[in-house]
Amino acid sequence: MSSDLDAGGTGSPSGAGDRRREPIAAVPVRRWGQWVSAAVVVLLVAALGYSVAINDNLQWSAVGDNLTEPTVLRGLWVTVQLTVLAMVAGIVLGVVVAVMRLSANPVLSTVSWFYIWLFRGTPVLVQLLLWFNLALFFPTLGAGPLSVDTNDLIKPFVAALLALALNEAAYMAEVVRAGILAVDEGQTEAAHALGMSQGQTMRRIVLPQAMRVIIPPTGNETITMLKTTSLVLVVGAGDLLTRTSAIAAREFTTIEMLLVASVWYLVLTSVASYGQYHLERRFARGTSAGAQASVGRRILANLRPGRVEGGVR
């Protein structure tokens, strides 16, 4: 009897033990609705692209010929200059305004609040036109022998740069303020306990930690600034849209030149987005966000069938 029990394990049927050891045959959920909707979207996009490609009213040769036309490239360079200079000036001034906004001094706090309220509350196009027409208010700037004619000083490019930079500073001030407030107050208290001044604490302790919060919206602001530069068309600052519009008026190729401008804006936006991604990863080192896969791998993972939350099959 004992030998029979030993042979059978503990007296239970041997088949039951074998069944428990068998792997579970999991069947993935078939999401047919997702595939059908994706196929419909692809067909609609393909139909739209085909209708645009074969449209006889579009001169595709004009688009290709003007993509690298010297006048267009000069306008592209002006757009890049305006974007970089306006963002640098806006970030620097925004940090100053944000620190003033958080100051215990009521005068500094009030002045910074008024600045943010004024420049965020009025359209950037209105500000651009005001700077361009500044000579109507102040024909000359300065006093006595140091006075200069306003029209000689405020050229279209300068007016565009002033309007874009000062407007951007108001938005960056709020971005920087949010980043500073995100840093734990214990960091400031510890720095003060070590004998650091308020300025040293802000430069060495608070701002470096706040960068993780500041960088993502700053990247978005840069991309927005890149597209906002198209508004300087109204003052003839010589940017990308200004140059392409001039060619369109001369050659009667309005849609074609708008496509040329759109292609270059997309290229610049893509470059800025790629740079923002790597900058975010650099400042997120040591966190879960910094260990994310590259953009290409994440896109491929999302395209694989049977994707589940937290990974891919």
C-alpha atoms as a PDB file:
ATOM      1  CA  MET A   1       0.000   0.000   0.000  1.00  0.00           C
ATOM      2  CA  SER A   2       2.770   2.387   0.902  1.00  0.00           C
ATOM      3  CA  SER A   3       4.521   1.763  -2.401  1.00  0.00           C
ATOM      4  CA  ASP A   4       1.333   2.654  -4.253  1.00  0.00           C
ATOM      5  CA  LEU A   5       1.068   5.923  -2.310  1.00  0.00           C
ATOM      6  CA  ASP A   6       4.732   6.730  -2.975  1.00  0.00           C
ATOM      7  CA  ALA A   7       4.341   6.097  -6.644  1.00  0.00           C
ATOM      8  CA  GLY A   8       1.303   8.306  -6.786  1.00  0.00           C
ATOM      9  CA  GLY A   9       2.860  11.151  -4.811  1.00  0.00           C
ATOM     10  CA  THR A  10       0.568  11.928  -1.858  1.00  0.00           C
ATOM     11  CA  GLY A  11      -2.335   9.832  -2.906  1.00  0.00           C
ATOM     12  CA  SER A  12      -3.746  12.400  -5.334  1.00  0.00           C
ATOM     13  CA  PRO A  13      -4.232  11.480  -8.978  1.00  0.00           C
ATOM     14  CA  SER A  14      -1.045  12.026 -10.955  1.00  0.00           C
ATOM     15  CA  GLY A  15      -2.960  13.655 -13.800  1.00  0.00           C
ATOM     16  CA  ALA A  16      -4.043  16.526 -11.554  1.00  0.00           C
ATOM     17  CA  GLY A  17      -0.434  17.409 -10.744  1.00  0.00           C
ATOM     18  CA  ASP A  18       0.495  17.361 -14.405  1.00  0.00           C
ATOM     19  CA  ARG A  19      -2.355  19.692 -15.232  1.00  0.00           C
ATOM     20  CA  ARG A  20      -1.213  22.174 -12.567  1.00  0.00           C
ATOM     21  CA  ARG A  21       2.235  22.348 -14.125  1.00  0.00           C
ATOM     22  CA  GLU A  22       0.931  23.157 -17.609  1.00  0.00           C
ATOM     23  CA  PRO A  23       1.408  26.853 -18.675  1.00  0.00           C
ATOM     24  CA  ILE A  24      -1.713  28.923 -19.125  1.00  0.00           C
ATOM     25  CA  ALA A  25      -2.500  29.513 -22.784  1.00  0.00           C
ATOM     26  CA  ALA A  26      -3.274  33.249 -22.650  1.00  0.00           C
ATOM     27  CA  VAL A  27      -5.112  34.602 -25.671  1.00  0.00           C
ATOM     28  CA  PRO A  28      -4.439  38.309 -26.376  1.00  0.00           C
ATOM     29  CA  VAL A  29      -7.448  40.571 -26.684  1.00  0.00           C
ATOM     30  CA  ARG A  30      -8.323  41.337 -30.284  1.00  0.00           C
ATOM     31  CA  ARG A  31      -8.935  45.058 -30.602  1.00  0.00           C
ATOM     32  CA  TRP A  32     -10.603  45.049 -33.988  1.00  0.00           C
ATOM     33  CA  GLY A  33     -12.083  48.502 -33.465  1.00  0.00           C
ATOM     34  CA  GLN A  34      -8.635  50.050 -33.181  1.00  0.00           C
ATOM     35  CA  TRP A  35      -7.437  48.413 -36.393  1.00  0.00           C
ATOM     36  CA  VAL A  36     -10.565  49.445 -38.295  1.00  0.00           C
ATOM     37  CA  SER A  37     -10.355  53.047 -37.100  1.00  0.00           C
ATOM     38  CA  ALA A  38      -6.628  53.147 -37.927  1.00  0.00           C
ATOM     39  CA  ALA A  39      -7.331  51.822 -41.444  1.00  0.00           C
ATOM     40  CA  VAL A  40     -10.032  54.455 -41.966  1.00  0.00           C
ATOM     41  CA  VAL A  41      -7.687  57.243 -40.843  1.00  0.00           C
ATOM     42  CA  VAL A  42      -4.890  55.985 -43.111  1.00  0.00           C
ATOM     43  CA  LEU A  43      -7.259  55.839 -46.093  1.00  0.00           C
ATOM     44  CA  LEU A  44      -8.535  59.364 -45.440  1.00  0.00           C
ATOM     45  CA  VAL A  45      -5.011  60.743 -45.121  1.00  0.00           C
ATOM     46  CA  ALA A  46      -3.907  58.908 -48.278  1.00  0.00           C
ATOM     47  CA  ALA A  47      -6.927  60.229 -50.196  1.00  0.00           C
ATOM     48  CA  LEU A  48      -6.236  63.779 -49.046  1.00  0.00           C
ATOM     49  CA  GLY A  49      -2.550  63.515 -49.949  1.00  0.00           C
ATOM     50  CA  TYR A  50      -3.360  62.067 -53.353  1.00  0.00           C
ATOM     51  CA  SER A  51      -5.892  64.794 -54.132  1.00  0.00           C
ATOM     52  CA  VAL A  52      -3.337  67.459 -53.216  1.00  0.00           C
ATOM     53  CA  ALA A  53      -0.545  65.770 -55.189  1.00  0.00           C
ATOM     54  CA  ILE A  54      -2.539  65.555 -58.437  1.00  0.00           C
ATOM     55  CA  ASN A  55      -4.172  68.987 -58.100  1.00  0.00           C
ATOM     56  CA  ASP A  56      -3.615  70.873 -61.345  1.00  0.00           C
ATOM     57  CA  ASN A  57      -3.936  74.225 -59.566  1.00  0.00           C
ATOM     58  CA  LEU A  58      -0.666  73.642 -57.680  1.00  0.00           C
ATOM     59  CA  GLN A  59       2.675  74.238 -59.365  1.00  0.00           C
ATOM     60  CA  TRP A  60       4.856  71.746 -57.546  1.00  0.00           C
ATOM     61  CA  SER A  61       7.834  72.805 -59.605  1.00  0.00           C
ATOM     62  CA  ALA A  62       7.560  76.263 -58.048  1.00  0.00           C
ATOM     63  CA  VAL A  63       7.624  74.704 -54.578  1.00  0.00           C
ATOM     64  CA  GLY A  64      10.749  72.707 -55.332  1.00  0.00           C
ATOM     65  CA  ASP A  65      12.543  75.564 -57.064  1.00  0.00           C
ATOM     66  CA  ASN A  66      11.919  78.055 -54.244  1.00  0.00           C
ATOM     67  CA  LEU A  67      12.756  75.833 -51.273  1.00  0.00           C
ATOM     68  CA  THR A  68      16.427  76.742 -51.573  1.00  0.00           C
ATOM     69  CA  GLU A  69      16.011  80.077 -53.337  1.00  0.00           C
ATOM     70  CA  PRO A  70      18.526  82.591 -51.857  1.00  0.00           C
ATOM     71  CA  THR A  71      15.817  85.064 -50.887  1.00  0.00           C
ATOM     72  CA  VAL A  72      13.934  82.366 -48.990  1.00  0.00           C
ATOM     73  CA  LEU A  73      17.106  81.224 -47.237  1.00  0.00           C
ATOM     74  CA  ARG A  74      17.832  84.797 -46.143  1.00  0.00           C
ATOM     75  CA  GLY A  75      14.344  84.993 -44.685  1.00  0.00           C
ATOM     76  CA  LEU A  76      14.920  81.653 -42.978  1.00  0.00           C
ATOM     77  CA  TRP A  77      18.077  83.022 -41.364  1.00  0.00           C
ATOM     78  CA  VAL A  78      16.199  86.099 -40.108  1.00  0.00           C
ATOM     79  CA  THR A  79      13.543  83.817 -38.583  1.00  0.00           C
ATOM     80  CA  VAL A  80      16.217  81.791 -36.786  1.00  0.00           C
ATOM     81  CA  GLN A  81      17.899  84.964 -35.538  1.00  0.00           C
ATOM     82  CA  LEU A  82      14.643  86.399 -34.214  1.00  0.00           C
ATOM     83  CA  THR A  83      13.763  83.137 -32.482  1.00  0.00           C
ATOM     84  CA  VAL A  84      17.128  82.674 -30.772  1.00  0.00           C
ATOM     85  CA  LEU A  85      17.648  86.307 -29.753  1.00  0.00           C
ATOM     86  CA  ALA A  86      14.063  86.777 -28.536  1.00  0.00           C
ATOM     87  CA  MET A  87      14.165  83.559 -26.500  1.00  0.00           C
ATOM     88  CA  VAL A  88      17.543  84.353 -24.916  1.00  0.00           C
ATOM     89  CA  ALA A  89      16.427  87.855 -23.981  1.00  0.00           C
ATOM     90  CA  GLY A  90      13.039  86.581 -22.841  1.00  0.00           C
ATOM     91  CA  ILE A  91      14.554  83.882 -20.621  1.00  0.00           C
ATOM     92  CA  VAL A  92      17.055  86.238 -18.985  1.00  0.00           C
ATOM     93  CA  LEU A  93      14.463  88.947 -18.363  1.00  0.00           C
ATOM     94  CA  GLY A  94      11.911  86.330 -17.323  1.00  0.00           C
ATOM     95  CA  VAL A  95      14.216  85.004 -14.596  1.00  0.00           C
ATOM     96  CA  VAL A  96      14.703  88.552 -13.286  1.00  0.00           C
ATOM     97  CA  VAL A  97      10.963  89.251 -13.291  1.00  0.00           C
ATOM     98  CA  ALA A  98      10.219  85.905 -11.601  1.00  0.00           C
ATOM     99  CA  VAL A  99      12.703  86.606  -8.801  1.00  0.00           C
ATOM    100  CA  MET A 100      11.184  90.063  -8.375  1.00  0.00           C
ATOM    101  CA  ARG A 101       7.707  88.502  -8.256  1.00  0.00           C
ATOM    102  CA  LEU A 102       8.790  86.227  -5.396  1.00  0.00           C
ATOM    103  CA  SER A 103      10.612  89.020  -3.564  1.00  0.00           C
ATOM    104  CA  ALA A 104       9.454  90.116  -0.114  1.00  0.00           C
ATOM    105  CA  ASN A 105       9.857  93.710  -1.293  1.00  0.00           C
ATOM    106  CA  PRO A 106       6.314  94.900  -2.128  1.00  0.00           C
ATOM    107  CA  VAL A 107       7.565  97.426  -4.706  1.00  0.00           C
ATOM    108  CA  LEU A 108       9.498  94.818  -6.702  1.00  0.00           C
ATOM    109  CA  SER A 109       6.658  92.324  -6.437  1.00  0.00           C
ATOM    110  CA  THR A 110       4.091  94.873  -7.610  1.00  0.00           C
ATOM    111  CA  VAL A 111       6.200  96.085 -10.534  1.00  0.00           C
ATOM    112  CA  SER A 112       6.800  92.529 -11.727  1.00  0.00           C
ATOM    113  CA  TRP A 113       3.090  91.681 -11.388  1.00  0.00           C
ATOM    114  CA  PHE A 114       2.164  94.742 -13.439  1.00  0.00           C
ATOM    115  CA  TYR A 115       4.707  93.809 -16.128  1.00  0.00           C
ATOM    116  CA  ILE A 116       3.314  90.276 -16.424  1.00  0.00           C
ATOM    117  CA  TRP A 117      -0.264  91.551 -16.432  1.00  0.00           C
ATOM    118  CA  LEU A 118       0.443  94.110 -19.163  1.00  0.00           C
ATOM    119  CA  PHE A 119       2.422  91.979 -21.604  1.00  0.00           C
ATOM    120  CA  ARG A 120       0.351  88.828 -21.178  1.00  0.00           C
ATOM    121  CA  GLY A 121      -2.894  90.768 -21.419  1.00  0.00           C
ATOM    122  CA  THR A 122      -2.247  92.421 -24.789  1.00  0.00           C
ATOM    123  CA  PRO A 123      -1.776  90.602 -28.123  1.00  0.00           C
ATOM    124  CA  VAL A 124       1.784  90.307 -29.331  1.00  0.00           C
ATOM    125  CA  LEU A 125       0.697  91.725 -32.709  1.00  0.00           C
ATOM    126  CA  VAL A 126      -0.490  94.903 -30.993  1.00  0.00           C
ATOM    127  CA  GLN A 127       2.825  95.177 -29.126  1.00  0.00           C
ATOM    128  CA  LEU A 128       4.684  94.663 -32.390  1.00  0.00           C
ATOM    129  CA  LEU A 129       2.805  97.494 -34.083  1.00  0.00           C
ATOM    130  CA  LEU A 130       3.322  99.779 -31.078  1.00  0.00           C
ATOM    131  CA  TRP A 131       7.079  99.320 -31.165  1.00  0.00           C
ATOM    132  CA  PHE A 132       7.150  99.762 -34.934  1.00  0.00           C
ATOM    133  CA  ASN A 133       5.221 103.037 -34.632  1.00  0.00           C
ATOM    134  CA  LEU A 134       7.071 104.279 -31.561  1.00  0.00           C
ATOM    135  CA  ALA A 135       8.163 107.379 -33.482  1.00  0.00           C
ATOM    136  CA  LEU A 136       4.574 108.603 -33.426  1.00  0.00           C
ATOM    137  CA  PHE A 137       4.842 108.916 -29.616  1.00  0.00           C
ATOM    138  CA  PHE A 138       8.526 109.751 -29.279  1.00  0.00           C
ATOM    139  CA  PRO A 139      10.029 111.262 -32.475  1.00  0.00           C
ATOM    140  CA  THR A 140      13.418 111.286 -30.759  1.00  0.00           C
ATOM    141  CA  LEU A 141      14.945 109.225 -27.972  1.00  0.00           C
ATOM    142  CA  GLY A 142      17.375 110.700 -25.488  1.00  0.00           C
ATOM    143  CA  ALA A 143      18.065 114.313 -24.606  1.00  0.00           C
ATOM    144  CA  GLY A 144      20.269 117.067 -25.982  1.00  0.00           C
ATOM    145  CA  PRO A 145      23.310 115.959 -27.957  1.00  0.00           C
ATOM    146  CA  LEU A 146      22.586 112.311 -27.091  1.00  0.00           C
ATOM    147  CA  SER A 147      19.153 112.290 -28.755  1.00  0.00           C
ATOM    148  CA  VAL A 148      18.621 110.097 -31.813  1.00  0.00           C
ATOM    149  CA  ASP A 149      15.825 109.835 -34.317  1.00  0.00           C
ATOM    150  CA  THR A 150      13.480 107.026 -33.312  1.00  0.00           C
ATOM    151  CA  ASN A 151      12.979 105.812 -36.875  1.00  0.00           C
ATOM    152  CA  ASP A 152      16.746 105.462 -37.292  1.00  0.00           C
ATOM    153  CA  LEU A 153      16.989 103.416 -34.087  1.00  0.00           C
ATOM    154  CA  ILE A 154      13.840 101.287 -34.186  1.00  0.00           C
ATOM    155  CA  LYS A 155      14.176  99.469 -37.483  1.00  0.00           C
ATOM    156  CA  PRO A 156      11.677  96.708 -38.379  1.00  0.00           C
ATOM    157  CA  PHE A 157      14.020  93.978 -37.105  1.00  0.00           C
ATOM    158  CA  VAL A 158      14.629  95.846 -33.832  1.00  0.00           C
ATOM    159  CA  ALA A 159      10.913  96.492 -33.355  1.00  0.00           C
ATOM    160  CA  ALA A 160      10.173  92.805 -33.939  1.00  0.00           C
ATOM    161  CA  LEU A 161      12.899  91.725 -31.519  1.00  0.00           C
ATOM    162  CA  LEU A 162      11.723  94.095 -28.770  1.00  0.00           C
ATOM    163  CA  ALA A 163       8.094  93.016 -29.101  1.00  0.00           C
ATOM    164  CA  LEU A 164       8.852  89.295 -29.145  1.00  0.00           C
ATOM    165  CA  ALA A 165      11.433  89.380 -26.338  1.00  0.00           C
ATOM    166  CA  LEU A 166       9.428  91.544 -23.943  1.00  0.00           C
ATOM    167  CA  ASN A 167       6.275  89.531 -24.527  1.00  0.00           C
ATOM    168  CA  GLU A 168       8.128  86.249 -24.039  1.00  0.00           C
ATOM    169  CA  ALA A 169       9.680  87.494 -20.789  1.00  0.00           C
ATOM    170  CA  ALA A 170       6.223  87.789 -19.242  1.00  0.00           C
ATOM    171  CA  TYR A 171       5.429  84.144 -20.013  1.00  0.00           C
ATOM    172  CA  MET A 172       8.875  82.907 -19.002  1.00  0.00           C
ATOM    173  CA  ALA A 173       8.545  84.741 -15.684  1.00  0.00           C
ATOM    174  CA  GLU A 174       5.543  82.580 -14.814  1.00  0.00           C
ATOM    175  CA  VAL A 175       7.331  79.432 -16.001  1.00  0.00           C
ATOM    176  CA  VAL A 176      10.390  80.205 -13.887  1.00  0.00           C
ATOM    177  CA  ARG A 177       8.242  81.150 -10.895  1.00  0.00           C
ATOM    178  CA  ALA A 178       6.454  77.799 -11.081  1.00  0.00           C
ATOM    179  CA  GLY A 179       9.803  76.000 -11.241  1.00  0.00           C
ATOM    180  CA  ILE A 180      11.156  77.878  -8.232  1.00  0.00           C
ATOM    181  CA  LEU A 181       8.027  77.169  -6.186  1.00  0.00           C
ATOM    182  CA  ALA A 182       8.351  73.466  -7.051  1.00  0.00           C
ATOM    183  CA  VAL A 183      11.651  73.243  -5.121  1.00  0.00           C
ATOM    184  CA  ASP A 184      11.163  72.196  -1.519  1.00  0.00           C
ATOM    185  CA  GLU A 185      11.584  75.035   0.968  1.00  0.00           C
ATOM    186  CA  GLY A 186      13.886  72.831   3.017  1.00  0.00           C
ATOM    187  CA  GLN A 187      16.538  73.270   0.330  1.00  0.00           C
ATOM    188  CA  THR A 188      16.515  77.030   0.866  1.00  0.00           C
ATOM    189  CA  GLU A 189      16.554  76.680   4.639  1.00  0.00           C
ATOM    190  CA  ALA A 190      19.496  74.277   4.493  1.00  0.00           C
ATOM    191  CA  ALA A 191      21.422  76.663   2.227  1.00  0.00           C
ATOM    192  CA  HIS A 192      20.796  79.551   4.592  1.00  0.00           C
ATOM    193  CA  ALA A 193      21.924  77.386   7.508  1.00  0.00           C
ATOM    194  CA  LEU A 194      25.219  76.874   5.673  1.00  0.00           C
ATOM    195  CA  GLY A 195      25.674  80.638   5.448  1.00  0.00           C
ATOM    196  CA  MET A 196      24.671  81.180   1.832  1.00  0.00           C
ATOM    197  CA  SER A 197      23.107  84.503   0.893  1.00  0.00           C
ATOM    198  CA  GLN A 198      19.745  84.767  -0.855  1.00  0.00           C
ATOM    199  CA  GLY A 199      21.431  85.296  -4.226  1.00  0.00           C
ATOM    200  CA  GLN A 200      23.820  82.358  -3.765  1.00  0.00           C
ATOM    201  CA  THR A 201      20.958  80.126  -2.700  1.00  0.00           C
ATOM    202  CA  MET A 202      18.965  81.059  -5.774  1.00  0.00           C
ATOM    203  CA  ARG A 203      21.878  80.571  -8.195  1.00  0.00           C
ATOM    204  CA  ARG A 204      23.455  77.439  -6.713  1.00  0.00           C
ATOM    205  CA  ILE A 205      20.598  75.564  -5.073  1.00  0.00           C
ATOM    206  CA  VAL A 206      17.136  76.582  -6.221  1.00  0.00           C
ATOM    207  CA  LEU A 207      17.505  77.320  -9.943  1.00  0.00           C
ATOM    208  CA  PRO A 208      19.512  74.148 -10.795  1.00  0.00           C
ATOM    209  CA  GLN A 209      16.793  71.998  -9.198  1.00  0.00           C
ATOM    210  CA  ALA A 210      14.015  74.033 -10.774  1.00  0.00           C
ATOM    211  CA  MET A 211      15.393  73.371 -14.258  1.00  0.00           C
ATOM    212  CA  ARG A 212      13.610  70.014 -14.450  1.00  0.00           C
ATOM    213  CA  VAL A 213      10.311  71.863 -14.193  1.00  0.00           C
ATOM    214  CA  ILE A 214      11.379  74.846 -16.307  1.00  0.00           C
ATOM    215  CA  ILE A 215      12.879  73.046 -19.320  1.00  0.00           C
ATOM    216  CA  PRO A 216       9.742  71.339 -20.797  1.00  0.00           C
ATOM    217  CA  PRO A 217       7.563  74.489 -20.981  1.00  0.00           C
ATOM    218  CA  THR A 218      10.577  76.495 -22.150  1.00  0.00           C
ATOM    219  CA  GLY A 219      10.955  74.105 -25.067  1.00  0.00           C
ATOM    220  CA  ASN A 220       7.302  74.595 -25.907  1.00  0.00           C
ATOM    221  CA  GLU A 221       7.736  78.364 -25.671  1.00  0.00           C
ATOM    222  CA  THR A 222      10.683  78.171 -28.085  1.00  0.00           C
ATOM    223  CA  ILE A 223       8.613  76.282 -30.641  1.00  0.00           C
ATOM    224  CA  THR A 224       5.774  78.761 -30.191  1.00  0.00           C
ATOM    225  CA  MET A 225       8.215  81.646 -30.614  1.00  0.00           C
ATOM    226  CA  LEU A 226       9.486  80.110 -33.847  1.00  0.00           C
ATOM    227  CA  LYS A 227       5.982  80.251 -35.303  1.00  0.00           C
ATOM    228  CA  THR A 228       5.124  83.605 -33.724  1.00  0.00           C
ATOM    229  CA  THR A 229       7.947  85.236 -35.685  1.00  0.00           C
ATOM    230  CA  SER A 230       5.674  84.998 -38.731  1.00  0.00           C
ATOM    231  CA  LEU A 231       3.733  87.958 -37.292  1.00  0.00           C
ATOM    232  CA  VAL A 232       6.612  90.295 -38.146  1.00  0.00           C
ATOM    233  CA  LEU A 233       5.291  90.145 -41.712  1.00  0.00           C
ATOM    234  CA  VAL A 234       3.164  93.185 -40.854  1.00  0.00           C
ATOM    235  CA  VAL A 235       6.265  95.349 -40.287  1.00  0.00           C
ATOM    236  CA  GLY A 236       8.341  93.898 -43.119  1.00  0.00           C
ATOM    237  CA  ALA A 237      11.166  92.568 -40.956  1.00  0.00           C
ATOM    238  CA  GLY A 238      12.411  90.290 -43.735  1.00  0.00           C
ATOM    239  CA  ASP A 239      11.623  86.951 -42.097  1.00  0.00           C
ATOM    240  CA  LEU A 240      10.712  83.722 -43.862  1.00  0.00           C
ATOM    241  CA  LEU A 241       7.035  84.533 -44.351  1.00  0.00           C
ATOM    242  CA  THR A 242       7.817  88.082 -45.474  1.00  0.00           C
ATOM    243  CA  ARG A 243      10.184  86.833 -48.194  1.00  0.00           C
ATOM    244  CA  THR A 244       7.907  84.060 -49.421  1.00  0.00           C
ATOM    245  CA  SER A 245       4.936  86.432 -49.505  1.00  0.00           C
ATOM    246  CA  ALA A 246       6.931  88.858 -51.645  1.00  0.00           C
ATOM    247  CA  ILE A 247       7.782  86.088 -54.110  1.00  0.00           C
ATOM    248  CA  ALA A 248       4.140  84.960 -54.151  1.00  0.00           C
ATOM    249  CA  ALA A 249       2.952  88.484 -54.998  1.00  0.00           C
ATOM    250  CA  ARG A 250       5.508  88.755 -57.769  1.00  0.00           C
ATOM    251  CA  GLU A 251       4.986  85.320 -59.356  1.00  0.00           C
ATOM    252  CA  PHE A 252       1.294  84.748 -58.461  1.00  0.00           C
ATOM    253  CA  THR A 253       2.119  81.553 -56.566  1.00  0.00           C
ATOM    254  CA  THR A 254       0.406  82.213 -53.250  1.00  0.00           C
ATOM    255  CA  ILE A 255      -0.342  78.633 -52.223  1.00  0.00           C
ATOM    256  CA  GLU A 256       2.993  77.339 -53.472  1.00  0.00           C
ATOM    257  CA  MET A 257       4.981  79.868 -51.428  1.00  0.00           C
ATOM    258  CA  LEU A 258       2.859  79.199 -48.360  1.00  0.00           C
ATOM    259  CA  LEU A 259       3.806  75.538 -48.769  1.00  0.00           C
ATOM    260  CA  VAL A 260       7.470  76.520 -49.009  1.00  0.00           C
ATOM    261  CA  ALA A 261       7.196  78.478 -45.767  1.00  0.00           C
ATOM    262  CA  SER A 262       5.326  75.613 -44.095  1.00  0.00           C
ATOM    263  CA  VAL A 263       8.020  73.113 -45.052  1.00  0.00           C
ATOM    264  CA  TRP A 264      10.756  75.234 -43.495  1.00  0.00           C
ATOM    265  CA  TYR A 265       8.689  75.906 -40.354  1.00  0.00           C
ATOM    266  CA  LEU A 266       8.164  72.161 -39.979  1.00  0.00           C
ATOM    267  CA  VAL A 267      11.888  71.516 -40.384  1.00  0.00           C
ATOM    268  CA  LEU A 268      12.816  74.112 -37.762  1.00  0.00           C
ATOM    269  CA  THR A 269      10.114  72.881 -35.384  1.00  0.00           C
ATOM    270  CA  SER A 270      11.322  69.290 -35.735  1.00  0.00           C
ATOM    271  CA  VAL A 271      14.902  70.307 -34.948  1.00  0.00           C
ATOM    272  CA  ALA A 272      13.742  72.289 -31.918  1.00  0.00           C
ATOM    273  CA  SER A 273      11.605  69.384 -30.676  1.00  0.00           C
ATOM    274  CA  TYR A 274      14.531  66.966 -31.007  1.00  0.00           C
ATOM    275  CA  GLY A 275      16.784  69.315 -29.073  1.00  0.00           C
ATOM    276  CA  GLN A 276      14.131  69.768 -26.385  1.00  0.00           C
ATOM    277  CA  TYR A 277      13.844  65.996 -25.951  1.00  0.00           C
ATOM    278  CA  HIS A 278      17.559  65.527 -25.336  1.00  0.00           C
ATOM    279  CA  LEU A 279      17.753  68.582 -23.086  1.00  0.00           C
ATOM    280  CA  GLU A 280      14.923  67.215 -20.957  1.00  0.00           C
ATOM    281  CA  ARG A 281      16.687  63.858 -20.667  1.00  0.00           C
ATOM    282  CA  ARG A 282      19.896  65.557 -19.591  1.00  0.00           C
ATOM    283  CA  PHE A 283      18.227  67.457 -16.761  1.00  0.00           C
ATOM    284  CA  ALA A 284      16.190  64.382 -15.790  1.00  0.00           C
ATOM    285  CA  ARG A 285      19.247  62.184 -15.194  1.00  0.00           C
ATOM    286  CA  GLY A 286      18.854  60.022 -12.131  1.00  0.00           C
ATOM    287  CA  THR A 287      15.049  59.888 -12.421  1.00  0.00           C
ATOM    288  CA  SER A 288      12.655  57.503 -14.146  1.00  0.00           C
ATOM    289  CA  ALA A 289      12.057  60.118 -16.853  1.00  0.00           C
ATOM    290  CA  GLY A 290      15.748  60.167 -17.681  1.00  0.00           C
ATOM    291  CA  ALA A 291      15.774  56.417 -18.286  1.00  0.00           C
ATOM    292  CA  GLN A 292      13.129  56.483 -21.006  1.00  0.00           C
ATOM    293  CA  ALA A 293      13.845  54.869 -24.327  1.00  0.00           C
ATOM    294  CA  SER A 294      14.733  56.937 -27.345  1.00  0.00           C
ATOM    295  CA  VAL A 295      12.073  58.565 -29.466  1.00  0.00           C
ATOM    296  CA  GLY A 296      12.491  56.067 -32.292  1.00  0.00           C
ATOM    297  CA  ARG A 297      12.154  53.041 -30.011  1.00  0.00           C
ATOM    298  CA  ARG A 298       9.062  54.458 -28.330  1.00  0.00           C
ATOM    299  CA  ILE A 299       7.402  55.113 -31.701  1.00  0.00           C
ATOM    300  CA  LEU A 300       8.172  51.571 -32.891  1.00  0.00           C
ATOM    301  CA  ALA A 301       6.867  50.154 -29.620  1.00  0.00           C
ATOM    302  CA  ASN A 302       3.591  52.015 -30.037  1.00  0.00           C
ATOM    303  CA  LEU A 303       3.195  50.675 -33.567  1.00  0.00           C
ATOM    304  CA  ARG A 304       3.636  47.018 -32.618  1.00  0.00           C
ATOM    305  CA  PRO A 305       0.434  44.947 -32.435  1.00  0.00           C
ATOM    306  CA  GLY A 306      -0.617  43.577 -29.094  1.00  0.00           C
ATOM    307  CA  ARG A 307       0.882  46.478 -27.147  1.00  0.00           C
ATOM    308  CA  VAL A 308      -0.002  46.463 -23.464  1.00  0.00           C
ATOM    309  CA  GLU A 309       0.383  49.100 -20.776  1.00  0.00           C
ATOM    310  CA  GLY A 310       3.934  49.278 -19.448  1.00  0.00           C
ATOM    311  CA  GLY A 311       5.611  47.485 -22.341  1.00  0.00           C
ATOM    312  CA  VAL A 312       5.164  45.443 -25.515  1.00  0.00           C
ATOM    313  CA  ARG A 313       4.596  41.759 -26.155  1.00  0.00           C
END
